[in-house]
């Protein structure tokens, strides 16, 4: 059997979509998941791309399936699972093989891993991947940190699978060790601020002006046709226009009002504070998510002090909408 060009560990949503993207672009890929049934399901659902995928059921089999020097992408939960996976790979890989962490890692962890592997003969890349599951499948933005030599060895595959803007690939080498994950962290922090701004504008329109979800959806859809065109504005319009199939009510009124976070926004704020750089919009966005997540405390506070009611905005509606 022809050997694969690249390997991937972790067939969750992001890993599966990234693997299919790689296969679709003509690069044979070996895949491994610690749960064998998930590997089987992935291959079964790969459709016409099945012949470009080599399923593996052990790390030894994965290493043997890839043409040396082997680049292997890790798509597992950030933190300890990454360290455990790297430790396991060290026993089956050889000098000059490349370990690529494509998760949402703290860039300081990436710097540590880069240093720890520097004397082992293995090469480490920290790779930020932006665009969610749709981006992973059809073209993400890719931010690479590592040596320039290691980037050159994986550049062909990564530029092929990346998103394109004006025919240029959205994949780049950004510097050594943690550079890629640092840029991804700040990128996410900015996105936190964008999402909080969208939420506050929704609050003004819904509570301040008394507009319904469908009306607000039309506003966002209109904004998305102009200079505010973006993925976040687009999906906001779609979510606000959607109804819950069971109740017929707007989805936005059904879903639980409790937001979570994976840490990149918080890390952005910490780095800004350490560097003495004001990042107040990101700080406020992170604080809003924390407040959102403690729903039980919010309900207890409302019971004790009341919710204050809703204050309608008395200003001219059309003028306010123009300002927004």
C-alpha atoms as a PDB file:
ATOM      1  CA  UNK A   1       0.000   0.000   0.000  1.00  0.00           C
ATOM      2  CA  UNK A   2       1.226   3.487  -0.856  1.00  0.00           C
ATOM      3  CA  UNK A   3       2.439   5.345   2.214  1.00  0.00           C
ATOM      4  CA  UNK A   4       0.709   8.488   3.445  1.00  0.00           C
ATOM      5  CA  UNK A   5       2.244  11.966   3.247  1.00  0.00           C
ATOM      6  CA  UNK A   6       0.972  13.042   6.643  1.00  0.00           C
ATOM      7  CA  UNK A   7      -0.708  11.642   9.744  1.00  0.00           C
ATOM      8  CA  UNK A   8      -3.404  12.884  12.095  1.00  0.00           C
ATOM      9  CA  UNK A   9      -4.298  11.848  15.641  1.00  0.00           C
ATOM     10  CA  UNK A  10      -7.735  12.674  17.059  1.00  0.00           C
ATOM     11  CA  UNK A  11     -10.853  12.174  14.955  1.00  0.00           C
ATOM     12  CA  UNK A  12     -13.212  14.494  16.778  1.00  0.00           C
ATOM     13  CA  UNK A  13     -15.153  17.088  14.807  1.00  0.00           C
ATOM     14  CA  UNK A  14     -12.155  19.296  14.013  1.00  0.00           C
ATOM     15  CA  UNK A  15      -9.750  16.421  13.398  1.00  0.00           C
ATOM     16  CA  UNK A  16     -12.163  14.555  11.129  1.00  0.00           C
ATOM     17  CA  UNK A  17     -12.904  17.613   9.029  1.00  0.00           C
ATOM     18  CA  UNK A  18      -9.238  18.547   8.732  1.00  0.00           C
ATOM     19  CA  UNK A  19      -8.380  14.997   7.652  1.00  0.00           C
ATOM     20  CA  UNK A  20     -11.089  15.040   4.968  1.00  0.00           C
ATOM     21  CA  UNK A  21      -9.836  18.419   3.758  1.00  0.00           C
ATOM     22  CA  UNK A  22      -6.300  17.049   3.432  1.00  0.00           C
ATOM     23  CA  UNK A  23      -7.525  13.954   1.575  1.00  0.00           C
ATOM     24  CA  UNK A  24      -9.724  16.018  -0.728  1.00  0.00           C
ATOM     25  CA  UNK A  25      -6.742  18.152  -1.741  1.00  0.00           C
ATOM     26  CA  UNK A  26      -4.960  15.027  -2.974  1.00  0.00           C
ATOM     27  CA  UNK A  27      -2.713  14.261  -0.004  1.00  0.00           C
ATOM     28  CA  UNK A  28      -2.843  10.722   1.335  1.00  0.00           C
ATOM     29  CA  UNK A  29      -3.365  10.774   5.108  1.00  0.00           C
ATOM     30  CA  UNK A  30      -2.994   8.177   7.872  1.00  0.00           C
ATOM     31  CA  UNK A  31      -5.404   8.600  10.791  1.00  0.00           C
ATOM     32  CA  UNK A  32      -5.535   7.271  14.347  1.00  0.00           C
ATOM     33  CA  UNK A  33      -7.985   7.642  17.211  1.00  0.00           C
ATOM     34  CA  UNK A  34      -7.608   5.967  20.585  1.00  0.00           C
ATOM     35  CA  UNK A  35     -11.184   4.695  20.182  1.00  0.00           C
ATOM     36  CA  UNK A  36     -11.031   2.275  17.256  1.00  0.00           C
ATOM     37  CA  UNK A  37     -14.761   2.519  16.579  1.00  0.00           C
ATOM     38  CA  UNK A  38     -14.369   6.212  15.780  1.00  0.00           C
ATOM     39  CA  UNK A  39     -11.637   5.410  13.269  1.00  0.00           C
ATOM     40  CA  UNK A  40     -13.930   2.845  11.635  1.00  0.00           C
ATOM     41  CA  UNK A  41     -16.811   5.329  11.519  1.00  0.00           C
ATOM     42  CA  UNK A  42     -14.584   8.006  10.000  1.00  0.00           C
ATOM     43  CA  UNK A  43     -13.430   5.717   7.187  1.00  0.00           C
ATOM     44  CA  UNK A  44     -16.977   4.480   6.608  1.00  0.00           C
ATOM     45  CA  UNK A  45     -18.225   8.066   6.226  1.00  0.00           C
ATOM     46  CA  UNK A  46     -15.305   9.255   4.082  1.00  0.00           C
ATOM     47  CA  UNK A  47     -17.197   8.347   0.903  1.00  0.00           C
ATOM     48  CA  UNK A  48     -15.196   8.910  -2.265  1.00  0.00           C
ATOM     49  CA  UNK A  49     -12.194  10.023  -0.191  1.00  0.00           C
ATOM     50  CA  UNK A  50     -11.871   6.620   1.472  1.00  0.00           C
ATOM     51  CA  UNK A  51      -9.020   5.547  -0.814  1.00  0.00           C
ATOM     52  CA  UNK A  52      -6.974   8.574   0.313  1.00  0.00           C
ATOM     53  CA  UNK A  53      -7.236   7.562   3.984  1.00  0.00           C
ATOM     54  CA  UNK A  54      -5.118   4.953   5.778  1.00  0.00           C
ATOM     55  CA  UNK A  55      -6.846   3.853   9.013  1.00  0.00           C
ATOM     56  CA  UNK A  56      -4.452   2.929  11.827  1.00  0.00           C
ATOM     57  CA  UNK A  57      -5.179   1.242  15.140  1.00  0.00           C
ATOM     58  CA  UNK A  58      -1.949   1.863  17.043  1.00  0.00           C
ATOM     59  CA  UNK A  59       0.731   4.537  17.095  1.00  0.00           C
ATOM     60  CA  UNK A  60       3.219   2.005  15.751  1.00  0.00           C
ATOM     61  CA  UNK A  61       0.926   1.328  12.800  1.00  0.00           C
ATOM     62  CA  UNK A  62       0.471   5.071  12.268  1.00  0.00           C
ATOM     63  CA  UNK A  63       4.224   5.700  12.168  1.00  0.00           C
ATOM     64  CA  UNK A  64       4.749   2.810   9.746  1.00  0.00           C
ATOM     65  CA  UNK A  65       2.026   4.119   7.424  1.00  0.00           C
ATOM     66  CA  UNK A  66       3.647   7.535   6.825  1.00  0.00           C
ATOM     67  CA  UNK A  67       6.542   8.244   4.484  1.00  0.00           C
ATOM     68  CA  UNK A  68       9.585   9.565   6.441  1.00  0.00           C
ATOM     69  CA  UNK A  69      10.283  12.163   7.581  1.00  0.00           C
ATOM     70  CA  UNK A  70       6.814  11.940   9.117  1.00  0.00           C
ATOM     71  CA  UNK A  71       4.633  14.987   9.864  1.00  0.00           C
ATOM     72  CA  UNK A  72       1.862  14.107  12.348  1.00  0.00           C
ATOM     73  CA  UNK A  73      -0.919  16.492  13.373  1.00  0.00           C
ATOM     74  CA  UNK A  74      -2.310  16.188  16.903  1.00  0.00           C
ATOM     75  CA  UNK A  75      -5.954  17.248  17.328  1.00  0.00           C
ATOM     76  CA  UNK A  76      -6.706  16.469  20.972  1.00  0.00           C
ATOM     77  CA  UNK A  77      -7.820  18.553  23.942  1.00  0.00           C
ATOM     78  CA  UNK A  78      -5.366  21.257  24.957  1.00  0.00           C
ATOM     79  CA  UNK A  79      -3.240  20.783  28.054  1.00  0.00           C
ATOM     80  CA  UNK A  80      -2.215  17.470  29.595  1.00  0.00           C
ATOM     81  CA  UNK A  81      -3.634  15.294  26.747  1.00  0.00           C
ATOM     82  CA  UNK A  82      -1.199  16.966  24.322  1.00  0.00           C
ATOM     83  CA  UNK A  83       1.778  16.252  26.584  1.00  0.00           C
ATOM     84  CA  UNK A  84       0.651  12.642  26.989  1.00  0.00           C
ATOM     85  CA  UNK A  85       0.284  12.220  23.229  1.00  0.00           C
ATOM     86  CA  UNK A  86       3.717  13.698  22.558  1.00  0.00           C
ATOM     87  CA  UNK A  87       5.268  11.372  25.156  1.00  0.00           C
ATOM     88  CA  UNK A  88       3.637   8.373  23.466  1.00  0.00           C
ATOM     89  CA  UNK A  89       4.825   9.472  20.016  1.00  0.00           C
ATOM     90  CA  UNK A  90       8.435   9.823  21.125  1.00  0.00           C
ATOM     91  CA  UNK A  91       8.574   6.052  21.412  1.00  0.00           C
ATOM     92  CA  UNK A  92       7.596   5.414  17.782  1.00  0.00           C
ATOM     93  CA  UNK A  93       8.978   8.369  15.812  1.00  0.00           C
ATOM     94  CA  UNK A  94      12.463   8.959  14.441  1.00  0.00           C
ATOM     95  CA  UNK A  95      14.822  11.905  14.055  1.00  0.00           C
ATOM     96  CA  UNK A  96      13.496  14.714  11.826  1.00  0.00           C
ATOM     97  CA  UNK A  97       9.847  13.663  12.195  1.00  0.00           C
ATOM     98  CA  UNK A  98       7.506  16.594  12.895  1.00  0.00           C
ATOM     99  CA  UNK A  99       4.896  16.729  15.664  1.00  0.00           C
ATOM    100  CA  UNK A 100       2.240  19.384  14.934  1.00  0.00           C
ATOM    101  CA  UNK A 101      -0.102  20.524  17.706  1.00  0.00           C
ATOM    102  CA  UNK A 102      -3.147  22.001  15.948  1.00  0.00           C
ATOM    103  CA  UNK A 103      -5.293  22.512  19.044  1.00  0.00           C
ATOM    104  CA  UNK A 104      -6.054  25.685  21.006  1.00  0.00           C
ATOM    105  CA  UNK A 105      -2.874  25.516  23.064  1.00  0.00           C
ATOM    106  CA  UNK A 106      -1.564  28.195  25.380  1.00  0.00           C
ATOM    107  CA  UNK A 107       1.417  29.576  23.471  1.00  0.00           C
ATOM    108  CA  UNK A 108       3.577  29.293  26.595  1.00  0.00           C
ATOM    109  CA  UNK A 109       2.917  25.540  26.627  1.00  0.00           C
ATOM    110  CA  UNK A 110       3.921  25.473  22.964  1.00  0.00           C
ATOM    111  CA  UNK A 111       7.184  27.257  23.771  1.00  0.00           C
ATOM    112  CA  UNK A 112       7.889  24.684  26.488  1.00  0.00           C
ATOM    113  CA  UNK A 113       7.146  21.733  24.193  1.00  0.00           C
ATOM    114  CA  UNK A 114       9.282  23.220  21.436  1.00  0.00           C
ATOM    115  CA  UNK A 115      12.187  23.500  23.885  1.00  0.00           C
ATOM    116  CA  UNK A 116      11.672  20.012  25.329  1.00  0.00           C
ATOM    117  CA  UNK A 117      11.714  18.390  21.889  1.00  0.00           C
ATOM    118  CA  UNK A 118      14.603  20.442  20.516  1.00  0.00           C
ATOM    119  CA  UNK A 119      17.217  17.969  21.808  1.00  0.00           C
ATOM    120  CA  UNK A 120      15.246  14.831  20.944  1.00  0.00           C
ATOM    121  CA  UNK A 121      15.753  14.910  17.195  1.00  0.00           C
ATOM    122  CA  UNK A 122      12.037  15.549  16.686  1.00  0.00           C
ATOM    123  CA  UNK A 123      10.687  18.854  15.391  1.00  0.00           C
ATOM    124  CA  UNK A 124       7.712  20.577  16.984  1.00  0.00           C
ATOM    125  CA  UNK A 125       5.221  22.945  15.354  1.00  0.00           C
ATOM    126  CA  UNK A 126       2.484  24.847  17.163  1.00  0.00           C
ATOM    127  CA  UNK A 127      -0.275  25.508  14.638  1.00  0.00           C
ATOM    128  CA  UNK A 128      -3.266  27.753  15.184  1.00  0.00           C
ATOM    129  CA  UNK A 129      -6.308  26.733  13.133  1.00  0.00           C
ATOM    130  CA  UNK A 130      -9.160  29.206  12.755  1.00  0.00           C
ATOM    131  CA  UNK A 131     -12.563  28.772  11.163  1.00  0.00           C
ATOM    132  CA  UNK A 132     -14.265  26.136  13.283  1.00  0.00           C
ATOM    133  CA  UNK A 133     -15.483  22.840  11.870  1.00  0.00           C
ATOM    134  CA  UNK A 134     -16.562  24.388   8.551  1.00  0.00           C
ATOM    135  CA  UNK A 135     -13.167  26.003   8.147  1.00  0.00           C
ATOM    136  CA  UNK A 136     -11.369  22.772   8.998  1.00  0.00           C
ATOM    137  CA  UNK A 137     -13.351  20.972   6.298  1.00  0.00           C
ATOM    138  CA  UNK A 138     -13.291  23.562   3.526  1.00  0.00           C
ATOM    139  CA  UNK A 139     -10.407  25.920   4.309  1.00  0.00           C
ATOM    140  CA  UNK A 140      -9.159  27.290   7.639  1.00  0.00           C
ATOM    141  CA  UNK A 141      -6.775  30.098   8.415  1.00  0.00           C
ATOM    142  CA  UNK A 142      -3.518  28.485   9.541  1.00  0.00           C
ATOM    143  CA  UNK A 143      -0.927  30.142  11.800  1.00  0.00           C
ATOM    144  CA  UNK A 144       2.351  28.245  12.111  1.00  0.00           C
ATOM    145  CA  UNK A 145       5.025  28.591  14.772  1.00  0.00           C
ATOM    146  CA  UNK A 146       8.274  26.629  14.612  1.00  0.00           C
ATOM    147  CA  UNK A 147      11.478  26.650  12.624  1.00  0.00           C
ATOM    148  CA  UNK A 148      11.315  27.981   9.088  1.00  0.00           C
ATOM    149  CA  UNK A 149      12.801  24.685   7.903  1.00  0.00           C
ATOM    150  CA  UNK A 150       9.941  22.686   9.453  1.00  0.00           C
ATOM    151  CA  UNK A 151       7.420  25.079   7.880  1.00  0.00           C
ATOM    152  CA  UNK A 152       8.944  24.492   4.445  1.00  0.00           C
ATOM    153  CA  UNK A 153       8.464  20.747   4.897  1.00  0.00           C
ATOM    154  CA  UNK A 154       4.713  21.038   5.526  1.00  0.00           C
ATOM    155  CA  UNK A 155       3.989  24.215   3.545  1.00  0.00           C
ATOM    156  CA  UNK A 156       2.656  22.396   0.469  1.00  0.00           C
ATOM    157  CA  UNK A 157      -0.043  20.521   2.389  1.00  0.00           C
ATOM    158  CA  UNK A 158      -1.009  23.400   4.682  1.00  0.00           C
ATOM    159  CA  UNK A 159      -1.320  25.987   1.922  1.00  0.00           C
ATOM    160  CA  UNK A 160      -3.369  23.532  -0.147  1.00  0.00           C
ATOM    161  CA  UNK A 161      -5.959  22.999   2.594  1.00  0.00           C
ATOM    162  CA  UNK A 162      -6.123  26.602   3.819  1.00  0.00           C
ATOM    163  CA  UNK A 163      -8.724  29.222   2.980  1.00  0.00           C
ATOM    164  CA  UNK A 164      -7.886  31.516   0.074  1.00  0.00           C
ATOM    165  CA  UNK A 165      -8.224  35.304  -0.064  1.00  0.00           C
ATOM    166  CA  UNK A 166      -7.726  36.913  -3.464  1.00  0.00           C
ATOM    167  CA  UNK A 167      -6.155  33.625  -4.563  1.00  0.00           C
ATOM    168  CA  UNK A 168      -3.567  33.783  -1.771  1.00  0.00           C
ATOM    169  CA  UNK A 169      -3.469  30.986   0.845  1.00  0.00           C
ATOM    170  CA  UNK A 170      -4.430  31.948   4.397  1.00  0.00           C
ATOM    171  CA  UNK A 171      -1.527  29.955   5.828  1.00  0.00           C
ATOM    172  CA  UNK A 172       1.766  31.402   6.974  1.00  0.00           C
ATOM    173  CA  UNK A 173       4.857  30.826   9.068  1.00  0.00           C
ATOM    174  CA  UNK A 174       4.719  33.500  11.778  1.00  0.00           C
ATOM    175  CA  UNK A 175       7.904  32.822  13.703  1.00  0.00           C
ATOM    176  CA  UNK A 176       9.526  30.419  16.101  1.00  0.00           C
ATOM    177  CA  UNK A 177       8.074  28.124  18.811  1.00  0.00           C
ATOM    178  CA  UNK A 178       4.821  29.661  20.171  1.00  0.00           C
ATOM    179  CA  UNK A 179       4.305  32.355  17.526  1.00  0.00           C
ATOM    180  CA  UNK A 180       1.470  30.566  15.730  1.00  0.00           C
ATOM    181  CA  UNK A 181      -0.487  29.824  18.881  1.00  0.00           C
ATOM    182  CA  UNK A 182       0.146  33.345  20.191  1.00  0.00           C
ATOM    183  CA  UNK A 183      -1.396  34.887  17.069  1.00  0.00           C
ATOM    184  CA  UNK A 184      -4.314  32.434  17.287  1.00  0.00           C
ATOM    185  CA  UNK A 185      -4.856  33.424  20.930  1.00  0.00           C
ATOM    186  CA  UNK A 186      -4.997  37.142  20.139  1.00  0.00           C
ATOM    187  CA  UNK A 187      -7.160  36.420  17.088  1.00  0.00           C
ATOM    188  CA  UNK A 188      -9.634  34.648  19.375  1.00  0.00           C
ATOM    189  CA  UNK A 189      -9.458  37.461  21.919  1.00  0.00           C
ATOM    190  CA  UNK A 190     -10.432  39.977  19.249  1.00  0.00           C
ATOM    191  CA  UNK A 191     -13.248  37.645  18.223  1.00  0.00           C
ATOM    192  CA  UNK A 192     -14.472  37.609  21.845  1.00  0.00           C
ATOM    193  CA  UNK A 193     -14.754  41.407  21.653  1.00  0.00           C
ATOM    194  CA  UNK A 194     -16.561  41.217  18.296  1.00  0.00           C
ATOM    195  CA  UNK A 195     -19.076  38.726  19.672  1.00  0.00           C
ATOM    196  CA  UNK A 196     -19.698  40.827  22.773  1.00  0.00           C
ATOM    197  CA  UNK A 197     -20.318  43.869  20.584  1.00  0.00           C
ATOM    198  CA  UNK A 198     -22.844  41.860  18.558  1.00  0.00           C
ATOM    199  CA  UNK A 199     -24.544  40.718  21.776  1.00  0.00           C
ATOM    200  CA  UNK A 200     -24.794  44.279  23.093  1.00  0.00           C
ATOM    201  CA  UNK A 201     -26.224  45.575  19.813  1.00  0.00           C
ATOM    202  CA  UNK A 202     -28.781  42.766  19.965  1.00  0.00           C
ATOM    203  CA  UNK A 203     -29.628  43.887  23.514  1.00  0.00           C
ATOM    204  CA  UNK A 204     -30.162  47.469  22.376  1.00  0.00           C
ATOM    205  CA  UNK A 205     -32.416  46.386  19.517  1.00  0.00           C
ATOM    206  CA  UNK A 206     -34.380  43.792  21.519  1.00  0.00           C
ATOM    207  CA  UNK A 207     -34.734  45.474  24.900  1.00  0.00           C
ATOM    208  CA  UNK A 208     -34.143  49.110  24.062  1.00  0.00           C
ATOM    209  CA  UNK A 209     -36.187  49.342  20.863  1.00  0.00           C
ATOM    210  CA  UNK A 210     -38.527  46.396  21.409  1.00  0.00           C
ATOM    211  CA  UNK A 211     -37.653  44.704  18.113  1.00  0.00           C
ATOM    212  CA  UNK A 212     -38.300  40.969  17.684  1.00  0.00           C
ATOM    213  CA  UNK A 213     -35.695  38.362  16.669  1.00  0.00           C
ATOM    214  CA  UNK A 214     -36.905  38.219  13.056  1.00  0.00           C
ATOM    215  CA  UNK A 215     -36.662  42.006  12.697  1.00  0.00           C
ATOM    216  CA  UNK A 216     -33.187  42.004  14.200  1.00  0.00           C
ATOM    217  CA  UNK A 217     -32.183  39.145  11.893  1.00  0.00           C
ATOM    218  CA  UNK A 218     -33.114  41.331   8.929  1.00  0.00           C
ATOM    219  CA  UNK A 219     -30.965  44.145  10.324  1.00  0.00           C
ATOM    220  CA  UNK A 220     -27.921  41.883  10.642  1.00  0.00           C
ATOM    221  CA  UNK A 221     -28.530  40.353   7.212  1.00  0.00           C
ATOM    222  CA  UNK A 222     -28.554  43.861   5.758  1.00  0.00           C
ATOM    223  CA  UNK A 223     -25.352  44.805   7.556  1.00  0.00           C
ATOM    224  CA  UNK A 224     -23.736  41.652   6.179  1.00  0.00           C
ATOM    225  CA  UNK A 225     -24.166  42.930   2.616  1.00  0.00           C
ATOM    226  CA  UNK A 226     -22.027  46.006   3.292  1.00  0.00           C
ATOM    227  CA  UNK A 227     -18.699  46.801   4.902  1.00  0.00           C
ATOM    228  CA  UNK A 228     -19.617  44.774   8.006  1.00  0.00           C
ATOM    229  CA  UNK A 229     -19.724  41.584   5.928  1.00  0.00           C
ATOM    230  CA  UNK A 230     -18.264  38.789   8.045  1.00  0.00           C
ATOM    231  CA  UNK A 231     -18.894  35.257   9.229  1.00  0.00           C
ATOM    232  CA  UNK A 232     -20.026  36.416  12.684  1.00  0.00           C
ATOM    233  CA  UNK A 233     -22.574  38.879  11.300  1.00  0.00           C
ATOM    234  CA  UNK A 234     -23.796  36.242   8.845  1.00  0.00           C
ATOM    235  CA  UNK A 235     -24.390  33.527  11.442  1.00  0.00           C
ATOM    236  CA  UNK A 236     -25.974  36.021  13.860  1.00  0.00           C
ATOM    237  CA  UNK A 237     -28.595  36.792  11.221  1.00  0.00           C
ATOM    238  CA  UNK A 238     -29.198  33.079  10.630  1.00  0.00           C
ATOM    239  CA  UNK A 239     -29.508  32.248  14.330  1.00  0.00           C
ATOM    240  CA  UNK A 240     -31.921  35.107  15.000  1.00  0.00           C
ATOM    241  CA  UNK A 241     -34.072  34.053  12.036  1.00  0.00           C
ATOM    242  CA  UNK A 242     -34.270  30.421  13.180  1.00  0.00           C
ATOM    243  CA  UNK A 243     -37.237  28.893  15.026  1.00  0.00           C
ATOM    244  CA  UNK A 244     -37.199  25.938  17.406  1.00  0.00           C
ATOM    245  CA  UNK A 245     -38.967  23.075  15.548  1.00  0.00           C
ATOM    246  CA  UNK A 246     -40.575  21.719  18.735  1.00  0.00           C
ATOM    247  CA  UNK A 247     -42.080  24.924  20.109  1.00  0.00           C
ATOM    248  CA  UNK A 248     -42.151  27.207  17.088  1.00  0.00           C
ATOM    249  CA  UNK A 249     -40.518  29.907  19.209  1.00  0.00           C
ATOM    250  CA  UNK A 250     -37.350  31.782  18.195  1.00  0.00           C
ATOM    251  CA  UNK A 251     -34.277  29.660  18.939  1.00  0.00           C
ATOM    252  CA  UNK A 252     -32.631  32.602  20.687  1.00  0.00           C
ATOM    253  CA  UNK A 253     -35.423  32.512  23.291  1.00  0.00           C
ATOM    254  CA  UNK A 254     -35.068  28.755  23.849  1.00  0.00           C
ATOM    255  CA  UNK A 255     -31.329  28.187  24.196  1.00  0.00           C
ATOM    256  CA  UNK A 256     -29.752  28.420  27.641  1.00  0.00           C
ATOM    257  CA  UNK A 257     -28.294  31.868  28.315  1.00  0.00           C
ATOM    258  CA  UNK A 258     -25.026  30.538  29.684  1.00  0.00           C
ATOM    259  CA  UNK A 259     -21.856  31.066  27.635  1.00  0.00           C
ATOM    260  CA  UNK A 260     -18.672  29.053  28.046  1.00  0.00           C
ATOM    261  CA  UNK A 261     -15.085  29.679  27.020  1.00  0.00           C
ATOM    262  CA  UNK A 262     -11.977  27.641  26.217  1.00  0.00           C
ATOM    263  CA  UNK A 263      -9.417  30.084  27.583  1.00  0.00           C
ATOM    264  CA  UNK A 264      -7.988  32.017  24.642  1.00  0.00           C
ATOM    265  CA  UNK A 265      -9.860  35.213  25.526  1.00  0.00           C
ATOM    266  CA  UNK A 266      -8.611  35.025  29.105  1.00  0.00           C
ATOM    267  CA  UNK A 267      -5.056  34.341  27.902  1.00  0.00           C
ATOM    268  CA  UNK A 268      -5.269  37.408  25.639  1.00  0.00           C
ATOM    269  CA  UNK A 269      -6.229  39.575  28.607  1.00  0.00           C
ATOM    270  CA  UNK A 270      -3.448  38.129  30.779  1.00  0.00           C
ATOM    271  CA  UNK A 271      -0.806  38.807  28.124  1.00  0.00           C
ATOM    272  CA  UNK A 272      -2.117  42.337  27.563  1.00  0.00           C
ATOM    273  CA  UNK A 273      -1.909  43.022  31.292  1.00  0.00           C
ATOM    274  CA  UNK A 274       1.616  41.634  31.514  1.00  0.00           C
ATOM    275  CA  UNK A 275       2.721  43.779  28.570  1.00  0.00           C
ATOM    276  CA  UNK A 276       0.975  46.876  29.904  1.00  0.00           C
ATOM    277  CA  UNK A 277      -1.273  47.136  26.846  1.00  0.00           C
ATOM    278  CA  UNK A 278      -4.913  48.218  27.325  1.00  0.00           C
ATOM    279  CA  UNK A 279      -7.304  45.651  25.868  1.00  0.00           C
ATOM    280  CA  UNK A 280     -10.483  46.873  27.513  1.00  0.00           C
ATOM    281  CA  UNK A 281     -12.904  45.526  24.895  1.00  0.00           C
ATOM    282  CA  UNK A 282     -11.497  42.003  25.266  1.00  0.00           C
ATOM    283  CA  UNK A 283     -11.439  42.324  29.074  1.00  0.00           C
ATOM    284  CA  UNK A 284     -15.113  43.327  29.117  1.00  0.00           C
ATOM    285  CA  UNK A 285     -16.006  40.466  26.768  1.00  0.00           C
ATOM    286  CA  UNK A 286     -14.263  37.894  28.982  1.00  0.00           C
ATOM    287  CA  UNK A 287     -15.974  39.339  32.085  1.00  0.00           C
ATOM    288  CA  UNK A 288     -19.352  39.115  30.329  1.00  0.00           C
ATOM    289  CA  UNK A 289     -18.765  35.429  29.573  1.00  0.00           C
ATOM    290  CA  UNK A 290     -17.803  34.752  33.176  1.00  0.00           C
ATOM    291  CA  UNK A 291     -20.950  36.530  34.368  1.00  0.00           C
ATOM    292  CA  UNK A 292     -23.018  34.606  31.834  1.00  0.00           C
ATOM    293  CA  UNK A 293     -21.619  31.269  33.008  1.00  0.00           C
ATOM    294  CA  UNK A 294     -22.698  31.727  36.645  1.00  0.00           C
ATOM    295  CA  UNK A 295     -26.420  31.491  35.934  1.00  0.00           C
ATOM    296  CA  UNK A 296     -27.353  30.162  39.377  1.00  0.00           C
ATOM    297  CA  UNK A 297     -25.739  33.183  41.020  1.00  0.00           C
ATOM    298  CA  UNK A 298     -27.483  35.529  38.568  1.00  0.00           C
ATOM    299  CA  UNK A 299     -30.861  33.988  39.370  1.00  0.00           C
ATOM    300  CA  UNK A 300     -30.177  34.256  43.103  1.00  0.00           C
ATOM    301  CA  UNK A 301     -29.217  37.922  42.714  1.00  0.00           C
ATOM    302  CA  UNK A 302     -32.358  38.598  40.666  1.00  0.00           C
ATOM    303  CA  UNK A 303     -34.491  36.971  43.350  1.00  0.00           C
ATOM    304  CA  UNK A 304     -32.859  39.077  46.053  1.00  0.00           C
ATOM    305  CA  UNK A 305     -32.696  42.424  44.262  1.00  0.00           C
ATOM    306  CA  UNK A 306     -35.084  42.203  41.298  1.00  0.00           C
ATOM    307  CA  UNK A 307     -34.137  42.463  37.636  1.00  0.00           C
ATOM    308  CA  UNK A 308     -34.563  46.210  37.310  1.00  0.00           C
ATOM    309  CA  UNK A 309     -37.019  45.865  34.445  1.00  0.00           C
ATOM    310  CA  UNK A 310     -36.418  46.936  30.851  1.00  0.00           C
ATOM    311  CA  UNK A 311     -35.882  50.571  29.932  1.00  0.00           C
ATOM    312  CA  UNK A 312     -37.066  51.465  26.453  1.00  0.00           C
ATOM    313  CA  UNK A 313     -34.989  53.900  24.442  1.00  0.00           C
ATOM    314  CA  UNK A 314     -36.942  57.069  23.725  1.00  0.00           C
ATOM    315  CA  UNK A 315     -34.623  58.378  20.997  1.00  0.00           C
ATOM    316  CA  UNK A 316     -35.630  58.437  17.336  1.00  0.00           C
ATOM    317  CA  UNK A 317     -35.542  54.786  16.229  1.00  0.00           C
ATOM    318  CA  UNK A 318     -34.445  55.376  12.634  1.00  0.00           C
ATOM    319  CA  UNK A 319     -31.686  57.751  13.701  1.00  0.00           C
ATOM    320  CA  UNK A 320     -30.419  55.249  16.269  1.00  0.00           C
ATOM    321  CA  UNK A 321     -30.407  52.417  13.730  1.00  0.00           C
ATOM    322  CA  UNK A 322     -28.397  54.586  11.350  1.00  0.00           C
ATOM    323  CA  UNK A 323     -25.857  55.200  14.113  1.00  0.00           C
ATOM    324  CA  UNK A 324     -25.576  51.474  14.841  1.00  0.00           C
END
